[in-house]
Protein backbone atom coordinates (compact mmCIF):
# COMPACT_ATOMS: atom_id res chain seq x y z
CA MET A 1 -33.21 34.14 -54.78
CA THR A 2 -32.32 30.40 -54.50
CA THR A 3 -29.00 29.19 -54.12
CA SER A 4 -27.66 25.88 -54.96
CA ILE A 5 -24.40 24.10 -54.09
CA THR A 6 -23.45 20.32 -54.18
CA GLY A 7 -23.61 17.89 -51.25
CA GLY A 8 -19.59 18.05 -51.37
CA GLN A 9 -19.57 21.53 -51.09
CA LEU A 10 -22.00 21.57 -47.90
CA VAL A 11 -19.65 18.73 -46.43
CA VAL A 12 -16.62 21.04 -46.66
CA GLN A 13 -18.70 23.88 -45.23
CA MET A 14 -19.37 21.52 -42.19
CA LEU A 15 -15.96 20.63 -41.83
CA ARG A 16 -14.74 24.39 -41.79
CA SER A 17 -17.65 25.09 -39.35
CA LEU A 18 -16.47 22.33 -36.94
CA GLY A 19 -12.73 23.38 -37.10
CA ILE A 20 -11.31 20.76 -38.91
CA GLU A 21 -8.26 22.26 -40.71
CA GLN A 22 -6.33 19.14 -42.12
CA VAL A 23 -7.48 16.45 -44.49
CA TYR A 24 -5.46 13.63 -45.40
CA GLY A 25 -6.12 10.86 -48.14
CA VAL A 26 -5.86 9.48 -51.48
CA VAL A 27 -8.51 10.79 -54.15
CA GLY A 28 -10.78 8.52 -56.07
CA GLY A 29 -13.58 9.02 -58.41
CA GLN A 30 -16.13 8.81 -55.61
CA THR A 31 -14.16 11.42 -53.37
CA LEU A 32 -13.97 14.24 -56.03
CA ALA A 33 -16.97 16.20 -55.08
CA ILE A 34 -15.62 16.53 -51.58
CA THR A 35 -11.90 17.15 -52.67
CA ASP A 36 -12.63 19.53 -55.45
CA ALA A 37 -14.63 21.73 -52.90
CA ILE A 38 -11.59 21.74 -50.54
CA ILE A 39 -9.70 23.59 -53.55
CA ASP A 40 -11.99 26.51 -52.45
CA ALA A 41 -11.42 26.33 -48.54
CA ASP A 42 -8.30 28.43 -47.85
CA ASP A 43 -8.53 27.19 -44.11
CA ILE A 44 -8.54 23.44 -45.15
CA GLU A 45 -5.21 21.99 -46.05
CA PHE A 46 -5.18 18.66 -48.21
CA THR A 47 -2.37 16.39 -47.89
CA HIS A 48 -2.18 13.36 -50.52
CA THR A 49 -0.45 10.22 -49.29
CA ARG A 50 0.86 7.15 -50.83
CA HIS A 51 -1.32 4.79 -48.77
CA GLU A 52 -4.74 5.42 -47.28
CA GLY A 53 -3.54 3.75 -44.12
CA ALA A 54 -0.89 6.59 -43.79
CA ALA A 55 -3.84 9.05 -43.89
CA ALA A 56 -5.87 7.46 -41.13
CA VAL A 57 -2.69 7.47 -38.98
CA MET A 58 -2.00 11.24 -39.86
CA ALA A 59 -5.55 11.78 -38.57
CA ASP A 60 -4.99 9.91 -35.53
CA ALA A 61 -1.69 11.53 -34.77
CA TYR A 62 -3.18 15.27 -35.30
CA GLY A 63 -5.87 14.23 -32.63
CA ARG A 64 -3.43 13.23 -30.20
CA LEU A 65 -1.34 16.19 -30.44
CA THR A 66 -4.13 18.83 -30.70
CA GLY A 67 -7.11 17.25 -28.90
CA LYS A 68 -9.14 18.22 -32.01
CA PRO A 69 -10.02 16.03 -35.14
CA ALA A 70 -8.38 16.06 -38.56
CA ALA A 71 -10.12 14.24 -41.45
CA CYS A 72 -8.96 11.41 -43.66
CA ILE A 73 -10.64 10.54 -46.70
CA ALA A 74 -10.59 7.46 -49.12
CA THR A 75 -12.93 6.17 -52.08
CA THR A 76 -14.96 3.11 -51.97
CA GLY A 77 -13.82 -0.58 -51.65
CA PRO A 78 -9.92 -0.99 -51.03
CA GLY A 79 -9.51 2.74 -50.66
CA ALA A 80 -11.81 2.54 -47.52
CA SER A 81 -10.38 -0.93 -46.26
CA ASN A 82 -6.77 0.54 -46.43
CA LEU A 83 -7.95 3.15 -43.63
CA LEU A 84 -9.08 0.31 -41.07
CA THR A 85 -5.68 -0.19 -39.46
CA GLY A 86 -4.99 3.39 -38.80
CA VAL A 87 -8.45 3.94 -37.77
CA GLY A 88 -8.27 1.17 -35.15
CA GLY A 89 -5.29 2.51 -33.44
CA ALA A 90 -7.11 6.03 -33.21
CA PHE A 91 -9.99 4.07 -31.61
CA ARG A 92 -8.18 1.97 -29.01
CA ASP A 93 -5.94 4.97 -28.27
CA SER A 94 -8.95 7.30 -27.71
CA SER A 95 -8.00 9.89 -30.52
CA PRO A 96 -10.67 12.08 -32.31
CA ALA A 97 -10.68 11.79 -36.03
CA PHE A 98 -13.35 12.17 -38.88
CA ILE A 99 -13.05 9.16 -41.32
CA LEU A 100 -14.89 9.95 -44.26
CA THR A 101 -15.55 7.43 -47.20
CA CYS A 102 -17.32 7.93 -50.35
CA ASN A 103 -19.49 5.35 -51.87
CA ASN A 104 -21.21 4.52 -54.99
CA ASN A 105 -24.53 5.96 -55.95
CA GLY A 106 -27.00 5.29 -53.50
CA GLU A 107 -29.40 3.31 -55.55
CA ASN A 108 -26.36 0.87 -56.15
CA ILE A 109 -24.85 0.42 -52.80
CA HIS A 110 -24.86 -3.10 -51.79
CA LYS A 111 -24.99 -4.31 -55.47
CA ASP A 112 -22.38 -5.50 -57.57
CA ASP A 113 -21.18 -2.03 -58.56
CA ALA A 114 -17.55 -1.28 -58.97
CA GLN A 115 -15.37 -1.96 -55.76
CA ASN A 116 -18.71 -2.51 -53.80
CA ALA A 117 -18.33 -2.75 -49.91
CA ASP A 118 -20.29 -2.20 -46.99
CA HIS A 119 -18.33 0.54 -45.48
CA VAL A 120 -20.49 1.14 -41.99
CA SER A 121 -20.21 -2.64 -41.40
CA MET A 122 -16.39 -2.67 -41.81
CA PHE A 123 -15.83 0.69 -39.60
CA LYS A 124 -18.52 0.04 -36.90
CA PRO A 125 -16.29 -1.95 -34.59
CA PHE A 126 -13.40 0.65 -35.08
CA THR A 127 -15.45 4.00 -34.31
CA LYS A 128 -17.60 5.60 -31.85
CA TYR A 129 -20.01 6.30 -34.59
CA SER A 130 -20.67 5.04 -38.36
CA ARG A 131 -23.22 6.14 -40.56
CA LEU A 132 -24.07 6.06 -44.51
CA ILE A 133 -25.44 9.34 -45.68
CA ALA A 134 -27.65 8.56 -48.65
CA HIS A 135 -29.74 11.74 -48.90
CA ALA A 136 -28.45 15.29 -48.87
CA SER A 137 -31.01 16.44 -46.00
CA SER A 138 -29.12 14.41 -43.66
CA LEU A 139 -25.54 15.90 -44.28
CA LYS A 140 -25.60 18.86 -41.69
CA GLN A 141 -27.27 17.12 -38.76
CA THR A 142 -25.16 13.84 -39.39
CA MET A 143 -21.71 15.48 -39.45
CA GLU A 144 -22.98 17.58 -36.35
CA GLU A 145 -23.77 14.42 -34.43
CA ALA A 146 -20.62 12.68 -35.43
CA TYR A 147 -18.56 15.56 -34.13
CA ILE A 148 -20.03 15.62 -30.77
CA ASN A 149 -19.47 11.83 -30.64
CA ALA A 150 -15.91 12.16 -31.67
CA MET A 151 -15.22 14.88 -28.98
CA THR A 152 -17.35 14.21 -25.93
CA GLY A 153 -16.55 11.73 -23.27
CA ASN A 154 -13.81 9.33 -24.21
CA PRO A 155 -12.60 10.88 -27.42
CA GLY A 156 -12.44 8.74 -30.72
CA PRO A 157 -12.72 8.46 -34.48
CA VAL A 158 -16.37 8.48 -36.32
CA HIS A 159 -17.15 7.30 -39.67
CA LEU A 160 -19.40 9.16 -42.41
CA ASP A 161 -20.14 7.12 -45.65
CA PHE A 162 -21.30 9.50 -48.35
CA ALA A 163 -23.32 8.09 -51.24
CA ARG A 164 -21.87 9.38 -54.37
CA ASP A 165 -24.93 10.95 -55.74
CA THR A 166 -25.46 12.63 -52.32
CA ILE A 167 -22.38 14.62 -52.43
CA GLU A 168 -22.42 14.97 -56.27
CA GLY A 169 -26.09 16.23 -56.58
CA ARG A 170 -27.00 20.00 -56.09
CA ILE A 171 -28.88 21.18 -53.19
CA GLU A 172 -31.44 23.83 -53.56
CA ASN A 173 -31.60 26.47 -50.49
CA PRO A 174 -28.98 24.57 -48.48
CA PRO A 175 -28.99 24.76 -44.81
CA VAL A 176 -27.14 27.86 -43.20
CA VAL A 177 -23.87 26.78 -41.91
CA PRO A 178 -22.16 28.89 -39.18
CA ALA A 179 -18.77 29.85 -39.58
CA VAL A 180 -17.91 28.71 -36.04
CA HIS A 181 -20.24 25.87 -35.02
CA PRO A 182 -21.58 26.41 -31.70
CA ALA A 183 -20.70 22.93 -30.75
CA ARG A 184 -17.00 23.74 -30.57
CA ALA A 185 -17.44 25.81 -27.37
CA TRP A 186 -18.70 23.09 -25.13
CA VAL A 187 -17.80 19.62 -26.47
CA SER A 188 -14.62 19.53 -24.68
CA ASN A 189 -16.08 20.43 -21.24
CA ARG A 190 -15.84 17.33 -19.03
CA PRO A 191 -18.03 16.48 -16.03
CA GLY A 192 -16.60 16.72 -12.44
CA PRO A 193 -16.96 14.07 -9.91
CA GLN A 194 -19.72 14.58 -7.25
CA PRO A 195 -18.53 15.99 -3.92
CA HIS A 196 -19.78 12.97 -1.73
CA VAL A 197 -17.70 10.68 -3.79
CA ILE A 198 -14.73 12.81 -3.33
CA GLU A 199 -15.01 12.79 0.58
CA SER A 200 -15.30 9.06 0.66
CA VAL A 201 -12.08 8.70 -1.66
CA ILE A 202 -10.15 11.22 0.65
CA GLU A 203 -11.01 9.07 3.63
CA LYS A 204 -9.37 6.02 1.71
CA ILE A 205 -6.25 7.89 0.82
CA LEU A 206 -5.78 9.23 4.34
CA ASP A 207 -5.96 5.44 5.71
CA ALA A 208 -3.43 4.23 3.24
CA GLU A 209 0.11 3.90 3.83
CA ARG A 210 1.37 3.89 0.45
CA PRO A 211 -1.04 4.88 -2.17
CA ALA A 212 0.28 5.44 -5.47
CA ILE A 213 -0.90 7.15 -8.74
CA TRP A 214 -1.22 5.33 -11.82
CA VAL A 215 -1.74 7.43 -14.93
CA GLY A 216 -3.14 6.22 -18.03
CA ASN A 217 -3.87 7.71 -21.41
CA GLY A 218 -6.62 9.72 -19.86
CA GLY A 219 -4.02 12.10 -18.44
CA ASN A 220 -2.74 12.94 -22.16
CA ARG A 221 -6.37 13.29 -23.46
CA SER A 222 -7.14 15.68 -20.25
CA ASN A 223 -3.74 17.70 -20.26
CA GLY A 224 -3.81 16.51 -16.74
CA ALA A 225 0.00 17.00 -16.15
CA LYS A 226 -0.32 19.82 -13.67
CA ALA A 227 -3.13 18.37 -11.72
CA VAL A 228 -1.57 15.21 -11.32
CA LEU A 229 1.72 16.37 -10.03
CA ALA A 230 0.01 18.83 -7.79
CA LEU A 231 -1.97 15.94 -6.35
CA ALA A 232 1.22 13.71 -6.05
CA GLU A 233 2.80 16.68 -4.37
CA VAL A 234 0.24 17.11 -1.73
CA LEU A 235 0.23 13.42 -0.82
CA ASN A 236 3.80 12.73 -1.32
CA VAL A 237 2.98 9.92 -3.43
CA PRO A 238 4.83 8.20 -6.44
CA VAL A 239 3.43 8.63 -9.79
CA VAL A 240 3.75 5.93 -12.67
CA THR A 241 2.00 5.58 -15.98
CA THR A 242 0.84 3.08 -18.39
CA PHE A 243 2.70 2.33 -21.77
CA ASN A 244 -0.07 4.45 -23.03
CA GLY A 245 0.13 7.17 -20.53
CA ILE A 246 3.87 8.02 -21.19
CA GLY A 247 4.18 11.65 -21.93
CA ALA A 248 1.12 12.58 -19.51
CA VAL A 249 3.49 13.61 -16.78
CA PRO A 250 7.19 14.44 -17.35
CA THR A 251 9.54 11.61 -16.19
CA THR A 252 12.03 14.04 -14.89
CA HIS A 253 9.62 15.08 -11.89
CA PRO A 254 10.92 13.65 -8.80
CA LEU A 255 8.02 11.65 -7.99
CA VAL A 256 7.59 10.19 -11.37
CA PHE A 257 8.80 6.62 -11.80
CA GLY A 258 8.51 5.53 -15.32
CA ALA A 259 5.89 3.46 -17.05
CA VAL A 260 4.20 -0.02 -16.45
CA SER A 261 3.43 -2.33 -19.36
CA ARG A 262 3.87 -5.76 -20.68
CA MET A 263 7.53 -5.54 -19.90
CA GLY A 264 7.35 -2.38 -17.57
CA THR A 265 10.61 -1.70 -15.49
CA ASN A 266 11.74 -3.12 -12.42
CA LEU A 267 11.31 0.54 -11.04
CA SER A 268 7.85 1.35 -12.10
CA THR A 269 6.54 -2.36 -11.06
CA ARG A 270 7.92 -1.77 -7.73
CA VAL A 271 5.77 0.99 -7.18
CA ILE A 272 2.78 -0.89 -7.76
CA ALA A 273 4.00 -3.76 -5.85
CA GLU A 274 4.49 -1.79 -2.71
CA SER A 275 1.46 0.28 -2.58
CA ASP A 276 -1.49 -0.58 -0.64
CA LEU A 277 -3.73 1.86 -2.62
CA VAL A 278 -3.55 2.46 -6.39
CA ILE A 279 -5.26 5.78 -7.57
CA ALA A 280 -5.91 4.83 -11.40
CA LEU A 281 -6.30 8.00 -13.31
CA GLY A 282 -7.54 7.75 -16.84
CA ASN A 283 -6.24 4.19 -16.97
CA SER A 284 -8.34 1.34 -18.44
CA LEU A 285 -6.33 -1.29 -16.53
CA ASN A 286 -6.01 -3.31 -19.70
CA ALA A 287 -4.14 -6.30 -20.73
CA VAL A 288 -0.84 -4.37 -21.51
CA SER A 289 -0.69 -2.76 -18.37
CA THR A 290 -1.69 -5.61 -16.07
CA GLY A 291 0.11 -8.66 -17.62
CA ARG A 292 -3.31 -9.70 -18.90
CA TRP A 293 -4.99 -9.01 -15.50
CA ARG A 294 -2.40 -11.47 -13.60
CA LEU A 295 -0.86 -8.34 -11.76
CA ASP A 296 -2.16 -8.35 -8.25
CA LEU A 297 -3.55 -4.90 -7.37
CA PRO A 298 -4.33 -3.57 -3.87
CA GLU A 299 -7.44 -1.73 -3.28
CA VAL A 300 -8.35 0.86 -6.43
CA VAL A 301 -9.63 4.13 -6.83
CA HIS A 302 -10.66 4.15 -10.41
CA VAL A 303 -11.35 7.61 -12.10
CA ASP A 304 -12.29 7.79 -15.50
CA VAL A 305 -14.56 10.14 -17.86
CA ASP A 306 -16.02 7.17 -19.27
CA PRO A 307 -18.23 5.46 -16.44
CA THR A 308 -18.33 1.90 -18.66
CA MET A 309 -14.46 1.70 -18.18
CA ILE A 310 -14.75 1.80 -14.26
CA GLY A 311 -14.50 -1.55 -12.43
CA ARG A 312 -14.46 -3.46 -16.05
CA TYR A 313 -11.50 -5.22 -14.33
CA TYR A 314 -10.78 -5.81 -10.61
CA ALA A 315 -14.27 -4.87 -9.90
CA ASP A 316 -13.99 -6.54 -6.37
CA ARG A 317 -11.46 -3.98 -5.21
CA THR A 318 -12.59 -0.71 -7.10
CA THR A 319 -14.13 2.45 -5.95
CA GLY A 320 -15.34 4.06 -8.90
CA VAL A 321 -15.29 7.93 -9.52
CA PRO A 322 -16.89 9.05 -12.75
CA GLY A 323 -15.48 12.07 -13.93
CA ASP A 324 -12.64 14.08 -15.46
CA LEU A 325 -9.37 13.39 -13.78
CA VAL A 326 -8.28 16.87 -13.62
CA ALA A 327 -11.18 17.81 -11.77
CA PHE A 328 -10.78 14.90 -9.61
CA CYS A 329 -7.45 15.89 -8.73
CA ARG A 330 -8.23 19.44 -7.91
CA SER A 331 -11.21 18.31 -5.66
CA VAL A 332 -9.02 16.04 -3.50
CA ILE A 333 -6.58 18.68 -3.19
CA ASP A 334 -9.13 21.08 -1.94
CA GLY A 335 -10.81 18.67 0.13
CA ILE A 336 -7.99 17.11 1.91
CA GLY A 337 -6.56 20.43 3.08
CA ASP A 338 -4.18 20.14 6.12
CA ARG A 339 -5.23 16.30 6.85
CA GLY A 340 -3.04 14.96 4.84
CA ASN A 341 0.26 16.56 6.17
CA ALA A 342 1.23 13.66 8.74
CA SER A 343 0.81 10.84 6.29
CA ALA A 344 2.46 12.83 3.64
CA ARG A 345 5.60 13.16 5.80
CA ALA A 346 5.31 9.65 6.82
CA ARG A 347 5.94 8.53 3.06
CA ASP A 348 9.47 10.39 2.98
CA GLY A 349 11.39 7.28 3.62
CA TRP A 350 9.50 5.12 0.75
CA ILE A 351 10.05 8.05 -1.72
CA ALA A 352 13.90 8.12 -0.85
CA GLU A 353 13.95 4.28 -1.50
CA LEU A 354 12.34 4.66 -4.61
CA THR A 355 14.53 7.41 -5.82
CA ALA A 356 17.75 5.50 -4.66
CA ALA A 357 16.26 2.41 -6.85
CA GLU A 358 15.81 5.06 -9.71
CA VAL A 359 19.52 5.80 -9.73
CA LYS A 360 20.27 1.94 -9.86
CA TRP A 361 17.83 1.53 -12.60
CA TRP A 362 19.58 4.06 -14.82
CA ALA A 363 22.60 2.41 -14.33
CA LEU A 364 21.39 -0.80 -15.60
CA SER A 365 20.93 0.53 -18.83
CA GLU A 366 24.53 2.03 -19.26
CA ASP A 367 25.74 -0.53 -21.72
CA PRO A 368 29.13 0.08 -23.50
CA THR A 369 28.88 0.70 -26.98
CA SER A 370 28.78 -2.73 -28.93
CA ALA A 371 31.77 -3.58 -31.19
CA GLY A 372 31.68 -4.65 -34.57
CA GLY A 373 30.16 -1.49 -36.56
CA THR A 374 26.66 -2.19 -34.54
CA VAL A 375 25.27 -0.40 -31.66
CA SER A 376 22.77 -1.19 -28.67
CA PRO A 377 19.43 0.21 -29.00
CA ALA A 378 19.69 1.26 -25.35
CA ASP A 379 22.74 3.33 -26.17
CA VAL A 380 21.08 4.97 -29.22
CA VAL A 381 18.17 6.01 -27.36
CA ARG A 382 20.02 7.71 -24.62
CA ALA A 383 22.70 9.19 -27.16
CA VAL A 384 20.02 10.58 -29.31
CA ARG A 385 18.13 12.17 -26.26
CA THR A 386 21.33 14.25 -25.05
CA VAL A 387 21.32 15.94 -28.38
CA SER A 388 17.70 16.57 -28.97
CA PRO A 389 15.79 19.71 -27.83
CA ASP A 390 13.66 19.41 -24.73
CA ASP A 391 10.56 19.98 -26.53
CA THR A 392 11.46 17.33 -29.19
CA LEU A 393 8.41 15.10 -30.18
CA LEU A 394 9.26 11.53 -29.71
CA ILE A 395 7.21 9.07 -31.80
CA PRO A 396 8.26 5.35 -31.46
CA ASP A 397 6.71 2.98 -33.81
CA ALA A 398 5.25 -0.38 -32.42
CA GLY A 399 7.29 -3.27 -31.41
CA ASN A 400 10.90 -2.63 -29.89
CA PRO A 401 11.26 1.07 -30.47
CA GLY A 402 8.35 1.63 -27.91
CA VAL A 403 10.06 -0.43 -25.18
CA TRP A 404 13.54 1.16 -25.66
CA SER A 405 11.89 4.62 -25.45
CA PHE A 406 11.43 3.61 -21.70
CA LEU A 407 15.08 5.21 -21.69
CA TRP A 408 13.77 8.45 -23.26
CA THR A 409 13.27 11.35 -20.57
CA VAL A 410 10.04 13.18 -21.08
CA THR A 411 10.81 16.63 -20.00
CA GLN A 412 7.49 18.29 -21.17
CA PRO A 413 3.79 16.92 -21.46
CA ASN A 414 2.68 16.33 -25.12
CA THR A 415 5.92 15.26 -26.42
CA TYR A 416 5.41 11.49 -26.84
CA ILE A 417 2.97 9.54 -29.00
CA LYS A 418 2.97 5.81 -29.72
CA PRO A 419 0.51 3.32 -30.94
CA VAL A 420 -0.46 1.17 -28.08
CA GLY A 421 -3.83 -0.18 -27.79
CA PHE A 422 -3.91 -1.50 -31.46
CA GLY A 423 -0.23 -1.74 -31.88
CA ASN A 424 -0.25 -0.84 -35.44
CA MET A 425 3.14 -1.05 -37.09
CA GLY A 426 3.88 1.69 -39.64
CA PHE A 427 2.75 4.48 -37.33
CA ALA A 428 5.68 6.76 -36.71
CA LEU A 429 6.47 7.98 -40.06
CA PRO A 430 3.06 8.97 -41.12
CA ALA A 431 2.54 10.34 -37.61
CA ALA A 432 5.75 12.43 -37.92
CA ILE A 433 4.48 13.89 -41.14
CA ALA A 434 1.29 15.16 -39.42
CA ALA A 435 3.31 16.49 -36.56
CA SER A 436 5.48 18.64 -39.20
CA LEU A 437 2.05 19.66 -40.73
CA ILE A 438 0.86 21.03 -37.37
CA ASP A 439 4.15 22.99 -36.65
CA PRO A 440 6.85 22.63 -39.28
CA GLU A 441 9.51 24.20 -36.84
CA ARG A 442 8.63 21.56 -34.01
CA PRO A 443 11.67 19.05 -33.82
CA VAL A 444 10.44 15.44 -34.38
CA LEU A 445 12.28 12.31 -33.78
CA ALA A 446 10.61 9.33 -35.46
CA LEU A 447 12.02 6.14 -33.81
CA ILE A 448 11.33 3.29 -36.23
CA GLY A 449 12.31 -0.20 -36.72
CA ASP A 450 13.07 -1.57 -39.96
CA GLY A 451 10.13 -3.91 -39.84
CA SER A 452 7.65 -0.89 -39.38
CA LEU A 453 9.52 1.24 -41.87
CA GLY A 454 9.13 -1.31 -44.44
CA MET A 455 5.12 -1.01 -43.92
CA SER A 456 5.11 2.76 -44.62
CA LEU A 457 7.99 3.25 -46.69
CA GLY A 458 6.10 5.01 -49.68
CA GLU A 459 5.45 8.07 -47.33
CA LEU A 460 9.05 9.00 -47.31
CA GLU A 461 8.24 10.68 -50.68
CA THR A 462 5.19 12.64 -48.61
CA LEU A 463 7.68 13.49 -45.97
CA ALA A 464 9.77 15.08 -48.61
CA ARG A 465 6.97 16.92 -50.16
CA VAL A 466 5.87 17.94 -46.60
CA GLY A 467 9.31 18.99 -45.08
CA GLY A 468 9.82 19.83 -41.49
CA ARG A 469 12.45 19.27 -38.78
CA VAL A 470 12.01 15.62 -38.78
CA CYS A 471 14.75 13.17 -38.04
CA ILE A 472 14.05 9.48 -38.53
CA VAL A 473 16.21 7.09 -36.75
CA VAL A 474 15.92 3.52 -37.97
CA LEU A 475 16.79 0.75 -35.61
CA ASN A 476 17.87 -1.47 -38.21
CA ASP A 477 18.40 -5.28 -37.27
CA SER A 478 17.11 -6.67 -40.52
CA SER A 479 14.39 -8.48 -38.88
CA TYR A 480 10.97 -7.96 -37.07
CA GLY A 481 13.28 -7.57 -34.01
CA ASN A 482 10.58 -7.98 -31.12
CA ILE A 483 8.93 -11.10 -32.47
CA ARG A 484 12.42 -12.83 -33.48
CA GLN A 485 13.58 -12.08 -29.95
CA GLU A 486 10.37 -13.66 -28.46
CA GLN A 487 10.90 -16.62 -30.49
CA GLU A 488 14.53 -17.16 -29.45
CA LEU A 489 13.40 -16.71 -25.67
CA HIS A 490 10.47 -19.14 -25.84
CA PHE A 491 11.22 -21.48 -28.78
CA ASP A 492 14.89 -22.78 -28.20
CA GLY A 493 16.34 -20.12 -30.45
CA ARG A 494 14.14 -21.32 -33.51
CA THR A 495 12.67 -18.70 -35.83
CA ILE A 496 10.57 -18.40 -38.63
CA GLY A 497 9.12 -15.30 -40.96
CA VAL A 498 11.32 -12.65 -39.07
CA ASP A 499 14.52 -12.08 -41.19
CA PHE A 500 15.21 -9.97 -44.20
CA THR A 501 18.15 -9.17 -46.17
CA SER A 502 20.17 -6.17 -45.69
CA VAL A 503 18.39 -2.71 -46.82
CA ASP A 504 20.25 0.44 -47.06
CA PHE A 505 17.55 2.61 -45.90
CA GLY A 506 19.62 5.97 -46.30
CA ALA A 507 20.14 5.09 -50.08
CA VAL A 508 16.18 4.43 -50.22
CA ALA A 509 15.48 7.60 -48.68
CA ARG A 510 17.69 9.72 -50.94
CA GLY A 511 15.95 8.07 -53.68
CA MET A 512 12.62 9.43 -52.44
CA GLY A 513 13.85 13.01 -51.65
CA VAL A 514 14.95 12.66 -48.02
CA ARG A 515 18.48 13.23 -47.08
CA GLY A 516 19.69 9.59 -45.78
CA GLU A 517 22.61 7.63 -44.73
CA VAL A 518 23.62 4.54 -42.81
CA VAL A 519 25.23 5.25 -39.53
CA THR A 520 27.42 2.47 -37.32
CA ASP A 521 28.99 4.80 -34.81
CA LEU A 522 27.38 6.30 -31.68
CA GLY A 523 29.30 9.59 -31.57
CA GLU A 524 28.40 9.83 -35.19
CA LEU A 525 24.95 9.32 -34.60
CA ALA A 526 24.46 11.93 -32.11
CA GLN A 527 26.44 14.47 -34.17
CA LYS A 528 24.05 13.89 -36.99
CA VAL A 529 20.94 13.89 -34.84
CA GLU A 530 22.06 17.29 -33.53
CA ALA A 531 22.95 18.70 -36.94
CA ALA A 532 19.29 17.42 -38.20
CA PHE A 533 17.43 19.58 -35.76
CA GLU A 534 19.70 22.47 -36.08
CA GLY A 535 18.45 22.28 -39.86
CA SER A 536 14.94 22.54 -41.32
CA THR A 537 14.62 19.32 -43.72
CA PRO A 538 13.92 15.86 -42.96
CA VAL A 539 16.67 13.51 -42.32
CA LEU A 540 16.70 9.66 -42.31
CA LEU A 541 19.68 7.92 -40.32
CA ASP A 542 19.63 4.22 -40.67
CA VAL A 543 21.25 2.77 -37.46
CA VAL A 544 22.81 -0.84 -37.70
CA LEU A 545 21.92 -2.50 -34.54
CA ASP A 546 23.76 -5.27 -32.37
CA ARG A 547 21.21 -8.00 -32.71
CA SER A 548 22.32 -9.88 -29.67
CA VAL A 549 20.73 -7.06 -27.11
CA ASN A 550 17.14 -8.54 -26.24
CA ALA A 551 14.39 -6.39 -25.30
CA TRP A 552 12.71 -9.29 -23.50
CA THR A 553 15.83 -10.20 -21.34
CA TYR A 554 17.16 -6.59 -20.89
CA PRO A 555 18.05 -6.10 -17.24
CA ALA A 556 16.27 -2.73 -16.68
CA PHE A 557 13.02 -3.98 -18.02
CA THR A 558 12.90 -6.95 -15.78
CA PRO A 559 9.92 -6.76 -13.11
CA PHE A 560 10.48 -6.01 -9.87
CA SER A 561 10.23 -8.97 -7.44
CA ARG A 562 9.70 -8.45 -3.73
CA GLU A 563 12.72 -11.05 -3.16
CA ASP A 564 14.97 -8.52 -4.85
């Protein structure tokens, strides 16, 4: 007895087999063979967005939060190109995702058909794997290969471009698709470092007086908080993160001293400046972290699951350790035994100095509330944190919200995500929607500048449709604030292309189905955020900022100087 299914049905069978439970996107004529098949897949939820870019961001956020891929889908040409910015964010920040585009019929691809575009060429620079599937016999194998690429090593997005007739045509005697694909059992296995390498690294650590651990985004991707903190405690050394590594370890731990980034803080940059050995864990040592590599680093032990990242920068002072950072931490702990006790005790003084400096650093951010119906963004972050549950997921958007989020205390791992490597604006709102779809009971705080909200505004309707305990706090200075402030600082106060007329985003939110209002008082803001998290439906609070508070010159973010 022969069986017959469409290529689109086979694609959906494979998505289910590979454990993909969420698909986001905007449907079009070319996508219908896949999206129609999703209707019959009870274990796949499809969420349509107002713009394909939001669908790509949602897939990115899902990958960051779960470690598994979701999928986003778009039709040919402009539908596909609208995905690109969100896909770039997933690629630069190592988030697994399936990017599905649907092209014209195979015989007409690269011809002057409607919305013609070379999707593979478009997506190849932004994905780990990109391939056109123009024959049904390649569907199963190609999706398997894509999944393995997405999940192994340094995770990331993969792109599959389906010819329309391939997914609309029928397949006689289709391949058997297992309910649970066996690849799911092993793709997350990460190689450990070799024993002889660990012993040589231990010797370097024992020889160092002030080693420091600098955790990157790999700490998030490997769920490495417990292992990293265990190593820090054994060695009695300070821990800092990269901008992209925020959330990898709780900032409330006594050995964690914040994030080093383009601005950084004078506390976190002090840790690196005073160290004589940097243990870089899942840290690419990229431009954002190192001031475009002007940061003078001591000797570096560089641990990364992707060997090609090791020694890419600072090679002349780097000892490379290819492998998983969790396995590295455990191996060093086991190998060092009691040998490090004396040097660990000798660091008590340094840790005490840093702890005292941390108290002073927090005092630098205790600004009085601004007068005249506006508030300081520093006050906003600190006030909102006091009324947010410990497990609140903070999602700052690109630009100033991410900088001000240095003042947010991270009490639990996996409670902070932000676009860093690609810096794509318009991230926080779609990411909050994805988080709500994963767990509608989880409190989510999206910290969004009015510039970024303008780029994703249509998704307020998507949020209203999806629902959840999402509180949006709009840091509204009626401008692209980070760029305006940089212009004011470096171009004698001259600005161009950065200011907007006043927008009442509370009214806009209400018009799109989300409770919203404008807030100009700090106490009122705290009360309303607390009430929002006690409820179960989305809320938007439009906060009018004091435009004179400049993130570029804010005292707490001034880099450490040895002369201080």
